Protein backbone atom coordinates (compact mmCIF):
# COMPACT_ATOMS: atom_id res chain seq x y z
CA MET A 1 -0.68 -19.53 17.64
CA THR A 2 -2.77 -21.49 15.21
CA ASP A 3 -5.74 -20.21 13.26
CA THR A 4 -8.96 -20.03 15.31
CA THR A 5 -10.94 -21.74 12.55
CA GLN A 6 -9.20 -24.98 13.61
CA ALA A 7 -9.86 -24.42 17.31
CA PRO A 8 -12.17 -26.91 19.04
CA PRO A 9 -15.44 -25.54 20.40
CA LEU A 10 -15.19 -24.18 23.93
CA PRO A 11 -16.87 -26.46 26.46
CA ASP A 12 -19.53 -25.24 28.89
CA HIS A 13 -17.34 -26.23 31.89
CA LEU A 14 -13.55 -25.97 31.67
CA SER A 15 -10.72 -26.21 34.20
CA VAL A 16 -7.04 -25.25 33.98
CA ASP A 17 -6.05 -28.06 36.39
CA PRO A 18 -4.96 -31.17 34.40
CA ARG A 19 -6.18 -33.41 37.26
CA SER A 20 -9.76 -32.20 36.80
CA PRO A 21 -12.27 -34.20 34.72
CA HIS A 22 -13.20 -30.85 33.09
CA HIS A 23 -9.71 -30.25 31.67
CA VAL A 24 -9.53 -30.36 27.84
CA ALA A 25 -5.91 -30.13 26.68
CA ALA A 26 -6.77 -29.38 23.03
CA VAL A 27 -8.51 -26.14 24.05
CA PHE A 28 -5.41 -24.85 25.84
CA GLU A 29 -3.36 -24.98 22.64
CA HIS A 30 -5.13 -21.69 21.81
CA ASP A 31 -5.35 -18.39 23.70
CA ILE A 32 -8.59 -18.33 25.71
CA GLY A 33 -10.29 -15.28 27.18
CA ILE A 34 -12.91 -15.10 29.92
CA ARG A 35 -15.27 -12.15 30.26
CA PHE A 36 -16.95 -12.11 33.69
CA ASN A 37 -19.71 -9.55 34.29
CA GLY A 38 -18.48 -7.55 31.29
CA LYS A 39 -14.79 -7.41 32.32
CA ASP A 40 -11.92 -9.52 30.98
CA ARG A 41 -10.37 -11.70 33.69
CA SER A 42 -6.94 -13.29 33.39
CA ASP A 43 -6.93 -15.12 36.74
CA VAL A 44 -9.79 -17.58 36.11
CA GLN A 45 -8.86 -21.20 36.94
CA GLU A 46 -12.23 -22.81 36.19
CA TYR A 47 -15.55 -21.67 34.74
CA CYS A 48 -19.06 -22.87 33.93
CA VAL A 49 -21.05 -20.78 31.45
CA SER A 50 -24.47 -22.43 31.98
CA GLU A 51 -24.32 -22.16 35.80
CA GLY A 52 -22.75 -18.67 35.68
CA TRP A 53 -19.66 -18.96 37.90
CA VAL A 54 -15.88 -18.75 37.80
CA LYS A 55 -13.26 -19.92 40.29
CA VAL A 56 -10.32 -17.63 41.00
CA PRO A 57 -7.44 -17.88 43.50
CA ALA A 58 -8.03 -16.24 46.89
CA GLY A 59 -4.86 -14.17 47.02
CA LYS A 60 -1.73 -16.09 48.00
CA THR A 61 -3.59 -18.49 50.31
CA LEU A 62 -2.80 -22.19 49.80
CA ASP A 63 -4.75 -25.25 50.89
CA ARG A 64 -3.15 -28.08 52.86
CA LYS A 65 -1.97 -29.76 49.65
CA GLY A 66 -0.16 -26.62 48.48
CA GLN A 67 -2.71 -25.70 45.81
CA PRO A 68 -4.15 -22.16 45.62
CA LEU A 69 -7.35 -21.75 47.59
CA MET A 70 -10.21 -20.98 45.18
CA ILE A 71 -13.27 -18.81 45.62
CA LYS A 72 -16.36 -19.08 43.44
CA LEU A 73 -17.78 -15.88 41.97
CA LYS A 74 -21.26 -15.90 40.42
CA GLY A 75 -22.30 -13.75 37.49
CA THR A 76 -22.38 -13.66 33.69
CA VAL A 77 -19.61 -15.74 32.11
CA GLU A 78 -18.50 -15.56 28.47
CA ALA A 79 -15.62 -17.69 27.14
CA PHE A 80 -13.96 -16.88 23.81
CA TYR A 81 -10.80 -17.40 21.79
CA ARG A 82 -8.55 -14.36 21.66
CA GLN A 83 -7.61 -13.12 18.20
CA PRO A 84 -3.87 -13.18 17.45
CA GLU A 85 -2.36 -9.73 17.11
């Protein structure tokens, strides 16, 4: 991992999917953490801090295009860079 002082600022809305307009490749060069309602989540696919929601896969369910079916959870969202150990 690279030093977090060189990490770009985390956007308000970010998606893991490279086809999304909210995907920022430079951010994914670093280890990102999402805290949702006070608990760390590792399954978040998309988030929006200002609107207070995250999208996570709904189990093993797939849509008709073969992509995981997402559900939106609302609450307090905090995005941060994880510190290297």
